Amino acid sequence: VFMVLSLLSIVYGALRCNILAIKIKYDDYNIRVKPAAYFCIFMWRSFEIATRVTVLVLFGSVLQIWVFVVVLLNFLGFFLYPWILFWLSKSPFPENIEKELSRLGTTIVLCLLTFLYAGINMFCWSAAQVELSDPDLISKSQNWYRMTVYYIVRLMENAFLLLMWYIYRTDFYLYVCAPMLFLQLLIGYCMGVFFMLVFYQFCHPCKKLFSSSITEAL
């Protein structure tokens, strides 16, 4: 019961972050989110987060040490990614976060922001993409390529972790139909991607402002 309540609270938080990110990106427009959009976001985040957590738990139950390596690599990758893009853009160091902050203080704030960004992306696609070269620190453009790469890589990673669990599973899972569970988790993640595609294609409140739809980009 507590696990279900925790999942629902996390999904609700992800849903609110999605809506907030949309309002930040399109703050010049009057945004009205329809019930269908709320439903698609809720289903998208439910499948995405639940399957991701389950995959990590199953993998960690048989390969306890390696799960820390997987989590650490994921975290470092997403933590360093905004800084690498910032370095490649050769943009000046952000100075407009808070006038009272020193350069060291600004660096600490940016590190905390990318820390949070990395923590979110370990489990689901972040609603707001950090861009340190932007004055608002958030990317205002809709990058379909980055999203597509994220979900393809994440699906491959989940499949690999499930395969390792299947190979090294212990007698604890003797009464679990491992092939069926393997298939259900992969289908569950694909269902999350499906609802995400439906949301951006049909239910996004600002889909008319997109330069191209997600199906055209794919």
N, C-alpha and C. Protein backbone atom coordinates (compact mmCIF):
# COMPACT_ATOMS: atom_id res chain seq x y z
N VAL A 1 0.84 -1.21 0.00
CA VAL A 1 0.00 0.00 0.00
C VAL A 1 0.87 1.25 0.00
N PHE A 2 1.91 1.24 0.85
CA PHE A 2 2.80 2.41 0.91
C PHE A 2 3.56 2.59 -0.41
N MET A 3 3.94 1.48 -1.04
CA MET A 3 4.65 1.57 -2.32
C MET A 3 3.75 2.19 -3.39
N VAL A 4 2.48 1.80 -3.40
CA VAL A 4 1.53 2.35 -4.38
C VAL A 4 1.32 3.84 -4.12
N LEU A 5 1.15 4.20 -2.84
CA LEU A 5 0.97 5.61 -2.50
C LEU A 5 2.20 6.44 -2.87
N SER A 6 3.39 5.88 -2.65
CA SER A 6 4.62 6.58 -3.02
C SER A 6 4.70 6.77 -4.52
N LEU A 7 4.35 5.72 -5.27
CA LEU A 7 4.36 5.81 -6.73
C LEU A 7 3.40 6.88 -7.21
N LEU A 8 2.19 6.89 -6.64
CA LEU A 8 1.18 7.87 -7.06
C LEU A 8 1.64 9.29 -6.75
N SER A 9 2.28 9.49 -5.60
CA SER A 9 2.75 10.82 -5.25
C SER A 9 3.87 11.28 -6.18
N ILE A 10 4.77 10.35 -6.55
CA ILE A 10 5.86 10.69 -7.47
C ILE A 10 5.32 11.01 -8.86
N VAL A 11 4.35 10.20 -9.31
CA VAL A 11 3.75 10.43 -10.62
C VAL A 11 3.01 11.76 -10.65
N TYR A 12 2.31 12.06 -9.55
CA TYR A 12 1.61 13.35 -9.47
C TYR A 12 2.62 14.50 -9.53
N GLY A 13 3.74 14.36 -8.82
CA GLY A 13 4.77 15.38 -8.88
C GLY A 13 5.32 15.55 -10.28
N ALA A 14 5.55 14.42 -10.98
CA ALA A 14 6.04 14.49 -12.36
C ALA A 14 5.02 15.16 -13.26
N LEU A 15 3.73 14.87 -13.03
CA LEU A 15 2.67 15.49 -13.82
C LEU A 15 2.66 17.01 -13.63
N ARG A 16 2.75 17.45 -12.37
CA ARG A 16 2.75 18.88 -12.10
C ARG A 16 3.99 19.56 -12.70
N CYS A 17 5.13 18.86 -12.67
CA CYS A 17 6.36 19.41 -13.26
C CYS A 17 6.20 19.56 -14.77
N ASN A 18 5.53 18.59 -15.40
CA ASN A 18 5.27 18.68 -16.83
C ASN A 18 4.45 19.91 -17.18
N ILE A 19 3.38 20.12 -16.45
CA ILE A 19 2.52 21.27 -16.70
C ILE A 19 3.27 22.57 -16.44
N LEU A 20 4.05 22.61 -15.35
CA LEU A 20 4.83 23.80 -15.02
C LEU A 20 5.86 24.11 -16.10
N ALA A 21 6.51 23.06 -16.61
CA ALA A 21 7.52 23.25 -17.66
C ALA A 21 6.88 23.83 -18.92
N ILE A 22 5.68 23.36 -19.25
CA ILE A 22 4.97 23.89 -20.42
C ILE A 22 4.66 25.37 -20.23
N LYS A 23 4.20 25.73 -19.03
CA LYS A 23 3.85 27.13 -18.77
C LYS A 23 5.09 28.03 -18.79
N ILE A 24 6.23 27.49 -18.36
CA ILE A 24 7.47 28.27 -18.39
C ILE A 24 7.94 28.48 -19.84
N LYS A 25 7.86 27.42 -20.63
CA LYS A 25 8.31 27.52 -22.02
C LYS A 25 7.45 28.46 -22.84
N TYR A 26 6.13 28.42 -22.58
CA TYR A 26 5.19 29.20 -23.38
C TYR A 26 4.47 30.21 -22.49
N ASP A 27 5.26 30.99 -21.74
CA ASP A 27 4.68 31.93 -20.79
C ASP A 27 4.00 33.12 -21.47
N ASP A 28 4.22 33.29 -22.77
CA ASP A 28 3.58 34.38 -23.51
C ASP A 28 2.18 34.02 -23.99
N TYR A 29 1.76 32.79 -23.78
CA TYR A 29 0.48 32.33 -24.30
C TYR A 29 -0.43 31.90 -23.15
N ASN A 30 -1.73 32.00 -23.40
CA ASN A 30 -2.72 31.54 -22.44
C ASN A 30 -2.90 30.04 -22.62
N ILE A 31 -2.39 29.26 -21.68
CA ILE A 31 -2.37 27.81 -21.82
C ILE A 31 -3.54 27.19 -21.08
N ARG A 32 -4.26 26.34 -21.76
CA ARG A 32 -5.37 25.60 -21.16
C ARG A 32 -5.13 24.12 -21.37
N VAL A 33 -4.89 23.41 -20.29
CA VAL A 33 -4.59 21.97 -20.35
C VAL A 33 -5.88 21.19 -20.23
N LYS A 34 -6.16 20.35 -21.22
CA LYS A 34 -7.40 19.57 -21.24
C LYS A 34 -7.25 18.30 -20.40
N PRO A 35 -8.37 17.72 -19.97
CA PRO A 35 -8.32 16.47 -19.18
C PRO A 35 -7.59 15.33 -19.89
N ALA A 36 -7.71 15.27 -21.22
CA ALA A 36 -7.02 14.22 -21.98
C ALA A 36 -5.51 14.34 -21.83
N ALA A 37 -5.02 15.58 -21.76
CA ALA A 37 -3.58 15.80 -21.58
C ALA A 37 -3.13 15.32 -20.20
N TYR A 38 -3.92 15.62 -19.18
CA TYR A 38 -3.60 15.14 -17.83
C TYR A 38 -3.56 13.62 -17.79
N PHE A 39 -4.53 12.99 -18.45
CA PHE A 39 -4.59 11.53 -18.47
C PHE A 39 -3.36 10.93 -19.16
N CYS A 40 -2.99 11.49 -20.32
CA CYS A 40 -1.83 10.97 -21.05
C CYS A 40 -0.54 11.15 -20.25
N ILE A 41 -0.37 12.31 -19.61
CA ILE A 41 0.83 12.53 -18.81
C ILE A 41 0.87 11.57 -17.63
N PHE A 42 -0.28 11.37 -16.99
CA PHE A 42 -0.33 10.46 -15.84
C PHE A 42 0.03 9.04 -16.24
N MET A 43 -0.52 8.54 -17.34
CA MET A 43 -0.22 7.19 -17.80
C MET A 43 1.23 7.09 -18.27
N TRP A 44 1.70 8.11 -18.97
CA TRP A 44 3.08 8.14 -19.45
C TRP A 44 4.04 8.04 -18.28
N ARG A 45 3.89 8.88 -17.27
CA ARG A 45 4.80 8.88 -16.13
C ARG A 45 4.62 7.64 -15.26
N SER A 46 3.41 7.13 -15.14
CA SER A 46 3.17 5.93 -14.32
C SER A 46 3.94 4.74 -14.88
N PHE A 47 3.77 4.47 -16.17
CA PHE A 47 4.46 3.34 -16.79
C PHE A 47 5.98 3.55 -16.79
N GLU A 48 6.40 4.76 -17.10
CA GLU A 48 7.83 5.03 -17.22
C GLU A 48 8.55 4.85 -15.89
N ILE A 49 8.03 5.47 -14.83
CA ILE A 49 8.70 5.43 -13.53
C ILE A 49 8.57 4.06 -12.89
N ALA A 50 7.38 3.46 -12.94
CA ALA A 50 7.16 2.17 -12.29
C ALA A 50 8.05 1.08 -12.89
N THR A 51 8.11 1.03 -14.22
CA THR A 51 8.95 0.01 -14.86
C THR A 51 10.43 0.24 -14.60
N ARG A 52 10.84 1.52 -14.61
CA ARG A 52 12.26 1.83 -14.38
C ARG A 52 12.68 1.41 -12.98
N VAL A 53 11.88 1.75 -11.99
CA VAL A 53 12.20 1.38 -10.61
C VAL A 53 12.21 -0.14 -10.45
N THR A 54 11.23 -0.82 -11.04
CA THR A 54 11.15 -2.27 -10.93
C THR A 54 12.36 -2.94 -11.57
N VAL A 55 12.78 -2.44 -12.72
CA VAL A 55 13.96 -3.01 -13.40
C VAL A 55 15.20 -2.86 -12.52
N LEU A 56 15.40 -1.69 -11.93
CA LEU A 56 16.57 -1.47 -11.08
C LEU A 56 16.52 -2.34 -9.83
N VAL A 57 15.33 -2.53 -9.26
CA VAL A 57 15.18 -3.37 -8.07
C VAL A 57 15.49 -4.83 -8.40
N LEU A 58 14.96 -5.33 -9.52
CA LEU A 58 15.22 -6.71 -9.91
C LEU A 58 16.71 -6.93 -10.19
N PHE A 59 17.32 -6.00 -10.94
CA PHE A 59 18.74 -6.12 -11.23
C PHE A 59 19.56 -6.06 -9.96
N GLY A 60 19.20 -5.14 -9.04
CA GLY A 60 19.95 -5.00 -7.80
C GLY A 60 19.78 -6.18 -6.86
N SER A 61 18.70 -6.94 -7.01
CA SER A 61 18.47 -8.09 -6.13
C SER A 61 19.39 -9.26 -6.45
N VAL A 62 19.96 -9.28 -7.64
CA VAL A 62 20.85 -10.39 -8.02
C VAL A 62 22.29 -9.93 -8.22
N LEU A 63 22.48 -8.67 -8.54
CA LEU A 63 23.83 -8.12 -8.75
C LEU A 63 23.95 -6.83 -7.94
N GLN A 64 24.10 -6.99 -6.62
CA GLN A 64 24.03 -5.85 -5.72
C GLN A 64 25.10 -4.80 -6.01
N ILE A 65 26.31 -5.22 -6.28
CA ILE A 65 27.41 -4.27 -6.51
C ILE A 65 27.24 -3.55 -7.83
N TRP A 66 26.84 -4.27 -8.86
CA TRP A 66 26.76 -3.69 -10.19
C TRP A 66 25.65 -2.65 -10.32
N VAL A 67 24.62 -2.76 -9.50
CA VAL A 67 23.54 -1.78 -9.59
C VAL A 67 24.06 -0.40 -9.20
N PHE A 68 25.03 -0.34 -8.27
CA PHE A 68 25.62 0.95 -7.91
C PHE A 68 26.42 1.52 -9.06
N VAL A 69 27.08 0.64 -9.83
CA VAL A 69 27.84 1.10 -11.00
C VAL A 69 26.89 1.69 -12.04
N VAL A 70 25.75 1.00 -12.27
CA VAL A 70 24.76 1.47 -13.24
C VAL A 70 24.21 2.83 -12.83
N VAL A 71 23.83 2.94 -11.55
CA VAL A 71 23.27 4.19 -11.05
C VAL A 71 24.30 5.32 -11.12
N LEU A 72 25.54 5.02 -10.75
CA LEU A 72 26.59 6.04 -10.76
C LEU A 72 26.87 6.52 -12.17
N LEU A 73 26.96 5.61 -13.14
CA LEU A 73 27.21 6.00 -14.53
C LEU A 73 26.06 6.84 -15.07
N ASN A 74 24.82 6.44 -14.76
CA ASN A 74 23.66 7.22 -15.18
C ASN A 74 23.71 8.62 -14.61
N PHE A 75 24.00 8.69 -13.31
CA PHE A 75 23.99 9.98 -12.63
C PHE A 75 25.08 10.89 -13.17
N LEU A 76 26.30 10.37 -13.30
CA LEU A 76 27.40 11.19 -13.80
C LEU A 76 27.16 11.64 -15.23
N GLY A 77 26.59 10.76 -16.04
CA GLY A 77 26.32 11.12 -17.43
C GLY A 77 25.37 12.29 -17.54
N PHE A 78 24.26 12.23 -16.81
CA PHE A 78 23.27 13.31 -16.87
C PHE A 78 23.74 14.55 -16.13
N PHE A 79 24.58 14.37 -15.12
CA PHE A 79 25.11 15.53 -14.39
C PHE A 79 26.08 16.33 -15.25
N LEU A 80 26.93 15.62 -15.98
CA LEU A 80 27.96 16.29 -16.78
C LEU A 80 27.43 16.78 -18.13
N TYR A 81 26.35 16.20 -18.61
CA TYR A 81 25.85 16.53 -19.95
C TYR A 81 25.56 18.02 -20.12
N PRO A 82 24.81 18.69 -19.21
CA PRO A 82 24.59 20.14 -19.39
C PRO A 82 25.88 20.95 -19.36
N TRP A 83 26.85 20.51 -18.56
CA TRP A 83 28.12 21.24 -18.49
C TRP A 83 28.93 21.07 -19.77
N ILE A 84 28.86 19.87 -20.37
CA ILE A 84 29.57 19.65 -21.63
C ILE A 84 28.97 20.51 -22.74
N LEU A 85 27.62 20.56 -22.80
CA LEU A 85 26.96 21.42 -23.80
C LEU A 85 27.31 22.88 -23.58
N PHE A 86 27.37 23.29 -22.31
CA PHE A 86 27.72 24.67 -21.98
C PHE A 86 29.15 24.98 -22.42
N TRP A 87 30.06 24.05 -22.20
CA TRP A 87 31.45 24.24 -22.60
C TRP A 87 31.59 24.31 -24.12
N LEU A 88 30.83 23.45 -24.84
CA LEU A 88 30.90 23.45 -26.30
C LEU A 88 30.28 24.71 -26.89
N SER A 89 29.29 25.28 -26.22
CA SER A 89 28.64 26.49 -26.73
C SER A 89 29.52 27.73 -26.58
N LYS A 90 30.54 27.65 -25.71
CA LYS A 90 31.46 28.76 -25.45
C LYS A 90 30.72 30.03 -25.01
N SER A 91 29.62 29.84 -24.28
CA SER A 91 28.85 30.96 -23.77
C SER A 91 29.50 31.51 -22.51
N PRO A 92 29.24 32.78 -22.19
CA PRO A 92 29.79 33.35 -20.94
C PRO A 92 29.14 32.70 -19.73
N PHE A 93 29.86 32.73 -18.63
CA PHE A 93 29.36 32.12 -17.40
C PHE A 93 28.11 32.86 -16.92
N PRO A 94 27.03 32.14 -16.55
CA PRO A 94 25.79 32.80 -16.11
C PRO A 94 26.05 33.70 -14.90
N GLU A 95 25.61 34.94 -15.01
CA GLU A 95 25.82 35.90 -13.93
C GLU A 95 24.50 36.49 -13.42
N ASN A 96 23.37 36.13 -14.05
CA ASN A 96 22.11 36.79 -13.73
C ASN A 96 21.20 35.94 -12.85
N ILE A 97 21.74 34.90 -12.20
CA ILE A 97 20.91 34.06 -11.35
C ILE A 97 20.46 34.83 -10.12
N GLU A 98 21.40 35.42 -9.44
CA GLU A 98 21.13 36.24 -8.26
C GLU A 98 22.28 37.22 -8.10
N LYS A 99 21.97 38.51 -8.02
CA LYS A 99 23.02 39.53 -7.99
C LYS A 99 23.90 39.42 -6.76
N GLU A 100 23.31 38.94 -5.64
CA GLU A 100 24.09 38.86 -4.40
C GLU A 100 25.06 37.70 -4.38
N LEU A 101 24.90 36.76 -5.31
CA LEU A 101 25.76 35.58 -5.32
C LEU A 101 27.10 35.88 -5.96
N SER A 102 28.15 35.32 -5.37
CA SER A 102 29.48 35.41 -5.98
C SER A 102 29.59 34.36 -7.09
N ARG A 103 30.71 34.34 -7.75
CA ARG A 103 30.92 33.35 -8.81
C ARG A 103 30.90 31.93 -8.23
N LEU A 104 31.48 31.78 -7.03
CA LEU A 104 31.46 30.48 -6.36
C LEU A 104 30.03 30.09 -6.00
N GLY A 105 29.27 31.04 -5.48
CA GLY A 105 27.89 30.76 -5.12
C GLY A 105 27.06 30.38 -6.33
N THR A 106 27.27 31.08 -7.44
CA THR A 106 26.57 30.75 -8.68
C THR A 106 26.92 29.35 -9.15
N THR A 107 28.20 28.99 -9.05
CA THR A 107 28.63 27.65 -9.45
C THR A 107 27.96 26.58 -8.59
N ILE A 108 27.85 26.83 -7.29
CA ILE A 108 27.21 25.87 -6.39
C ILE A 108 25.73 25.71 -6.76
N VAL A 109 25.06 26.84 -7.04
CA VAL A 109 23.65 26.79 -7.43
C VAL A 109 23.48 25.99 -8.72
N LEU A 110 24.34 26.22 -9.70
CA LEU A 110 24.26 25.49 -10.97
C LEU A 110 24.54 24.01 -10.77
N CYS A 111 25.48 23.68 -9.88
CA CYS A 111 25.78 22.28 -9.59
C CYS A 111 24.57 21.59 -8.93
N LEU A 112 23.90 22.31 -8.03
CA LEU A 112 22.71 21.75 -7.39
C LEU A 112 21.60 21.55 -8.41
N LEU A 113 21.47 22.49 -9.35
CA LEU A 113 20.46 22.36 -10.40
C LEU A 113 20.72 21.15 -11.28
N THR A 114 21.97 20.99 -11.71
CA THR A 114 22.30 19.83 -12.56
C THR A 114 22.26 18.53 -11.75
N PHE A 115 22.49 18.61 -10.43
CA PHE A 115 22.36 17.44 -9.55
C PHE A 115 20.91 16.96 -9.55
N LEU A 116 19.98 17.90 -9.39
CA LEU A 116 18.55 17.55 -9.43
C LEU A 116 18.15 17.03 -10.80
N TYR A 117 18.67 17.66 -11.84
CA TYR A 117 18.38 17.25 -13.22
C TYR A 117 18.84 15.82 -13.46
N ALA A 118 20.03 15.48 -12.97
CA ALA A 118 20.56 14.13 -13.15
C ALA A 118 19.72 13.12 -12.37
N GLY A 119 19.32 13.46 -11.16
CA GLY A 119 18.51 12.55 -10.36
C GLY A 119 17.18 12.23 -11.01
N ILE A 120 16.55 13.23 -11.64
CA ILE A 120 15.27 13.01 -12.31
C ILE A 120 15.45 12.14 -13.54
N ASN A 121 16.47 12.45 -14.35
CA ASN A 121 16.67 11.73 -15.61
C ASN A 121 17.10 10.28 -15.41
N MET A 122 17.53 9.92 -14.23
CA MET A 122 17.86 8.52 -13.97
C MET A 122 16.61 7.65 -14.02
N PHE A 123 15.45 8.24 -13.75
CA PHE A 123 14.21 7.46 -13.67
C PHE A 123 13.20 7.83 -14.75
N CYS A 124 13.23 9.07 -15.23
CA CYS A 124 12.28 9.47 -16.26
C CYS A 124 12.83 10.69 -17.00
N TRP A 125 12.24 10.95 -18.15
CA TRP A 125 12.63 12.10 -18.96
C TRP A 125 12.23 13.38 -18.24
N SER A 126 13.19 14.26 -18.04
CA SER A 126 12.92 15.50 -17.32
C SER A 126 12.01 16.41 -18.14
N ALA A 127 11.00 16.96 -17.46
CA ALA A 127 10.05 17.83 -18.16
C ALA A 127 10.74 19.08 -18.67
N ALA A 128 11.69 19.61 -17.91
CA ALA A 128 12.44 20.80 -18.31
C ALA A 128 13.90 20.42 -18.51
N GLN A 129 14.43 20.71 -19.67
CA GLN A 129 15.81 20.39 -19.99
C GLN A 129 16.72 21.55 -19.62
N VAL A 130 17.71 21.26 -18.78
CA VAL A 130 18.63 22.30 -18.33
C VAL A 130 19.54 22.74 -19.47
N GLU A 131 19.67 24.04 -19.64
CA GLU A 131 20.57 24.62 -20.64
C GLU A 131 21.28 25.80 -19.98
N LEU A 132 22.51 25.59 -19.56
CA LEU A 132 23.25 26.59 -18.80
C LEU A 132 23.59 27.84 -19.62
N SER A 133 23.58 27.70 -20.93
CA SER A 133 23.89 28.86 -21.78
C SER A 133 22.70 29.78 -21.95
N ASP A 134 21.50 29.33 -21.56
CA ASP A 134 20.29 30.15 -21.66
C ASP A 134 20.14 31.00 -20.41
N PRO A 135 19.72 32.25 -20.51
CA PRO A 135 19.57 33.10 -19.33
C PRO A 135 18.60 32.53 -18.29
N ASP A 136 17.58 31.80 -18.76
CA ASP A 136 16.61 31.19 -17.85
C ASP A 136 17.02 29.80 -17.39
N LEU A 137 18.18 29.31 -17.89
CA LEU A 137 18.73 28.00 -17.53
C LEU A 137 17.86 26.84 -17.98
N ILE A 138 16.86 27.09 -18.79
CA ILE A 138 15.97 26.04 -19.28
C ILE A 138 15.87 26.17 -20.80
N SER A 139 15.96 25.05 -21.48
CA SER A 139 15.85 25.04 -22.93
C SER A 139 14.41 25.32 -23.33
N LYS A 140 14.19 26.33 -24.17
CA LYS A 140 12.84 26.68 -24.61
C LYS A 140 12.43 25.94 -25.88
N SER A 141 13.39 25.33 -26.56
CA SER A 141 13.08 24.62 -27.81
C SER A 141 12.69 23.18 -27.50
N GLN A 142 11.92 22.60 -28.43
CA GLN A 142 11.49 21.21 -28.28
C GLN A 142 12.44 20.33 -29.09
N ASN A 143 13.35 19.63 -28.39
CA ASN A 143 14.37 18.84 -29.06
C ASN A 143 13.89 17.39 -29.18
N TRP A 144 13.28 17.07 -30.32
CA TRP A 144 12.78 15.71 -30.54
C TRP A 144 13.93 14.71 -30.62
N TYR A 145 15.04 15.14 -31.21
CA TYR A 145 16.19 14.22 -31.37
C TYR A 145 16.70 13.75 -30.02
N ARG A 146 16.88 14.69 -29.09
CA ARG A 146 17.40 14.34 -27.77
C ARG A 146 16.43 13.40 -27.03
N MET A 147 15.14 13.69 -27.15
CA MET A 147 14.14 12.84 -26.51
C MET A 147 14.13 11.43 -27.11
N THR A 148 14.24 11.34 -28.43
CA THR A 148 14.24 10.04 -29.10
C THR A 148 15.44 9.21 -28.68
N VAL A 149 16.61 9.83 -28.66
CA VAL A 149 17.82 9.12 -28.23
C VAL A 149 17.68 8.65 -26.79
N TYR A 150 17.12 9.50 -25.93
CA TYR A 150 16.96 9.13 -24.51
C TYR A 150 16.12 7.87 -24.38
N TYR A 151 14.98 7.83 -25.04
CA TYR A 151 14.07 6.69 -24.86
C TYR A 151 14.58 5.42 -25.53
N ILE A 152 15.29 5.56 -26.63
CA ILE A 152 15.86 4.36 -27.27
C ILE A 152 16.95 3.77 -26.38
N VAL A 153 17.85 4.63 -25.89
CA VAL A 153 18.93 4.15 -25.02
C VAL A 153 18.37 3.58 -23.73
N ARG A 154 17.36 4.25 -23.15
CA ARG A 154 16.78 3.77 -21.90
C ARG A 154 16.10 2.41 -22.09
N LEU A 155 15.41 2.22 -23.21
CA LEU A 155 14.77 0.93 -23.49
C LEU A 155 15.81 -0.17 -23.64
N MET A 156 16.90 0.13 -24.32
CA MET A 156 17.97 -0.85 -24.49
C MET A 156 18.62 -1.17 -23.14
N GLU A 157 18.80 -0.15 -22.31
CA GLU A 157 19.40 -0.37 -21.00
C GLU A 157 18.49 -1.22 -20.13
N ASN A 158 17.19 -0.92 -20.12
CA ASN A 158 16.25 -1.73 -19.34
C ASN A 158 16.24 -3.18 -19.80
N ALA A 159 16.27 -3.38 -21.12
CA ALA A 159 16.29 -4.75 -21.65
C ALA A 159 17.56 -5.48 -21.22
N PHE A 160 18.70 -4.78 -21.24
CA PHE A 160 19.97 -5.40 -20.84
C PHE A 160 19.96 -5.75 -19.35
N LEU A 161 19.47 -4.84 -18.51
CA LEU A 161 19.42 -5.11 -17.07
C LEU A 161 18.47 -6.26 -16.76
N LEU A 162 17.35 -6.32 -17.47
CA LEU A 162 16.42 -7.44 -17.27
C LEU A 162 17.04 -8.75 -17.73
N LEU A 163 17.81 -8.70 -18.81
CA LEU A 163 18.49 -9.91 -19.29
C LEU A 163 19.49 -10.41 -18.25
N MET A 164 20.24 -9.50 -17.64
CA MET A 164 21.18 -9.88 -16.59
C MET A 164 20.45 -10.46 -15.38
N TRP A 165 19.31 -9.87 -15.03
CA TRP A 165 18.52 -10.43 -13.94
C TRP A 165 18.03 -11.83 -14.28
N TYR A 166 17.59 -12.01 -15.52
CA TYR A 166 17.08 -13.31 -15.94
C TYR A 166 18.18 -14.38 -15.89
N ILE A 167 19.38 -14.01 -16.27
CA ILE A 167 20.49 -14.97 -16.29
C ILE A 167 20.94 -15.33 -14.88
N TYR A 168 21.04 -14.33 -14.00
CA TYR A 168 21.60 -14.54 -12.67
C TYR A 168 20.53 -14.62 -11.57
N ARG A 169 19.27 -14.77 -11.94
CA ARG A 169 18.22 -14.82 -10.93
C ARG A 169 18.43 -16.03 -10.00
N THR A 170 18.03 -15.87 -8.74
CA THR A 170 18.22 -16.89 -7.71
C THR A 170 16.94 -17.69 -7.50
N ASP A 171 17.00 -18.62 -6.54
CA ASP A 171 15.84 -19.44 -6.23
C ASP A 171 14.70 -18.62 -5.63
N PHE A 172 14.99 -17.41 -5.21
CA PHE A 172 13.94 -16.54 -4.67
C PHE A 172 12.85 -16.30 -5.70
N TYR A 173 13.23 -16.33 -6.98
CA TYR A 173 12.28 -16.10 -8.07
C TYR A 173 11.80 -17.41 -8.69
N LEU A 174 11.86 -18.50 -7.93
CA LEU A 174 11.50 -19.81 -8.46
C LEU A 174 10.05 -19.86 -8.89
N TYR A 175 9.19 -19.18 -8.14
CA TYR A 175 7.75 -19.23 -8.43
C TYR A 175 7.27 -18.03 -9.23
N VAL A 176 8.22 -17.30 -9.82
CA VAL A 176 7.89 -16.17 -10.69
C VAL A 176 8.13 -16.59 -12.13
N CYS A 177 7.16 -16.31 -12.99
CA CYS A 177 7.34 -16.61 -14.41
C CYS A 177 8.26 -15.53 -15.00
N ALA A 178 9.56 -15.81 -14.98
CA ALA A 178 10.55 -14.82 -15.37
C ALA A 178 10.37 -14.30 -16.80
N PRO A 179 10.15 -15.19 -17.80
CA PRO A 179 9.96 -14.66 -19.17
C PRO A 179 8.77 -13.72 -19.28
N MET A 180 7.67 -14.06 -18.57
CA MET A 180 6.48 -13.22 -18.63
C MET A 180 6.75 -11.86 -17.97
N LEU A 181 7.44 -11.87 -16.82
CA LEU A 181 7.77 -10.63 -16.14
C LEU A 181 8.70 -9.77 -17.00
N PHE A 182 9.67 -10.41 -17.64
CA PHE A 182 10.59 -9.73 -18.56
C PHE A 182 9.80 -9.01 -19.64
N LEU A 183 8.86 -9.74 -20.25
CA LEU A 183 8.07 -9.19 -21.35
C LEU A 183 7.14 -8.09 -20.86
N GLN A 184 6.52 -8.30 -19.70
CA GLN A 184 5.59 -7.30 -19.17
C GLN A 184 6.27 -5.97 -18.89
N LEU A 185 7.48 -6.02 -18.34
CA LEU A 185 8.19 -4.79 -18.02
C LEU A 185 8.60 -4.03 -19.28
N LEU A 186 9.03 -4.74 -20.30
CA LEU A 186 9.39 -4.07 -21.55
C LEU A 186 8.16 -3.48 -22.23
N ILE A 187 7.05 -4.24 -22.21
CA ILE A 187 5.82 -3.72 -22.79
C ILE A 187 5.32 -2.52 -21.98
N GLY A 188 5.47 -2.59 -20.65
CA GLY A 188 5.06 -1.48 -19.80
C GLY A 188 5.82 -0.21 -20.13
N TYR A 189 7.13 -0.34 -20.36
CA TYR A 189 7.91 0.85 -20.72
C TYR A 189 7.50 1.38 -22.08
N CYS A 190 7.23 0.47 -23.01
CA CYS A 190 6.77 0.89 -24.34
C CYS A 190 5.40 1.57 -24.26
N MET A 191 4.56 1.12 -23.32
CA MET A 191 3.27 1.78 -23.13
C MET A 191 3.47 3.21 -22.65
N GLY A 192 4.45 3.42 -21.77
CA GLY A 192 4.76 4.77 -21.34
C GLY A 192 5.18 5.65 -22.51
N VAL A 193 6.01 5.11 -23.41
CA VAL A 193 6.43 5.85 -24.59
C VAL A 193 5.24 6.13 -25.51
N PHE A 194 4.32 5.16 -25.59
CA PHE A 194 3.13 5.32 -26.42
C PHE A 194 2.28 6.50 -25.93
N PHE A 195 2.02 6.56 -24.63
CA PHE A 195 1.23 7.66 -24.10
C PHE A 195 1.96 9.00 -24.23
N MET A 196 3.28 8.97 -24.17
CA MET A 196 4.05 10.18 -24.39
C MET A 196 3.87 10.67 -25.82
N LEU A 197 3.91 9.75 -26.80
CA LEU A 197 3.71 10.12 -28.20
C LEU A 197 2.30 10.67 -28.43
N VAL A 198 1.30 10.05 -27.81
CA VAL A 198 -0.08 10.52 -27.94
C VAL A 198 -0.21 11.94 -27.37
N PHE A 199 0.45 12.17 -26.24
CA PHE A 199 0.37 13.50 -25.62
C PHE A 199 0.94 14.57 -26.53
N TYR A 200 2.15 14.35 -27.05
CA TYR A 200 2.79 15.37 -27.87
C TYR A 200 2.13 15.51 -29.24
N GLN A 201 1.54 14.42 -29.74
CA GLN A 201 0.94 14.47 -31.07
C GLN A 201 -0.47 15.07 -31.05
N PHE A 202 -1.26 14.78 -30.01
CA PHE A 202 -2.66 15.16 -30.02
C PHE A 202 -3.10 16.05 -28.84
N CYS A 203 -2.46 15.91 -27.66
CA CYS A 203 -2.99 16.53 -26.45
C CYS A 203 -2.16 17.68 -25.90
N HIS A 204 -1.00 17.94 -26.45
CA HIS A 204 -0.17 19.03 -25.94
C HIS A 204 -0.89 20.36 -26.14
N PRO A 205 -1.01 21.19 -25.10
CA PRO A 205 -1.76 22.45 -25.25
C PRO A 205 -1.14 23.44 -26.22
N CYS A 206 0.13 23.27 -26.57
CA CYS A 206 0.80 24.20 -27.48
C CYS A 206 1.33 23.48 -28.72
N LYS A 207 0.68 22.42 -29.12
CA LYS A 207 1.19 21.64 -30.25
C LYS A 207 1.18 22.42 -31.56
N LYS A 208 0.32 23.44 -31.66
CA LYS A 208 0.28 24.25 -32.87
C LYS A 208 1.52 25.13 -33.02
N LEU A 209 2.23 25.33 -31.93
CA LEU A 209 3.44 26.16 -31.97
C LEU A 209 4.68 25.37 -32.35
N PHE A 210 4.58 24.03 -32.41
CA PHE A 210 5.73 23.21 -32.76
C PHE A 210 6.09 23.44 -34.22
N SER A 211 7.38 23.52 -34.51
CA SER A 211 7.82 23.65 -35.90
C SER A 211 7.59 22.35 -36.67
N SER A 212 7.58 21.23 -35.93
CA SER A 212 7.27 19.93 -36.54
C SER A 212 6.69 19.05 -35.46
N SER A 213 5.79 18.14 -35.87
CA SER A 213 5.21 17.21 -34.90
C SER A 213 6.22 16.13 -34.57
N ILE A 214 5.94 15.37 -33.52
CA ILE A 214 6.89 14.34 -33.10
C ILE A 214 6.94 13.21 -34.11
N THR A 215 5.81 12.90 -34.79
CA THR A 215 5.83 11.84 -35.79
C THR A 215 6.65 12.26 -37.01
N GLU A 216 6.57 13.53 -37.39
CA GLU A 216 7.40 14.02 -38.51
C GLU A 216 8.88 13.97 -38.14
N ALA A 217 9.18 14.33 -36.88
CA ALA A 217 10.57 14.29 -36.44
C ALA A 217 11.11 12.87 -36.42
N LEU A 218 10.27 11.92 -35.97
CA LEU A 218 10.70 10.53 -35.96
C LEU A 218 10.89 10.00 -37.37
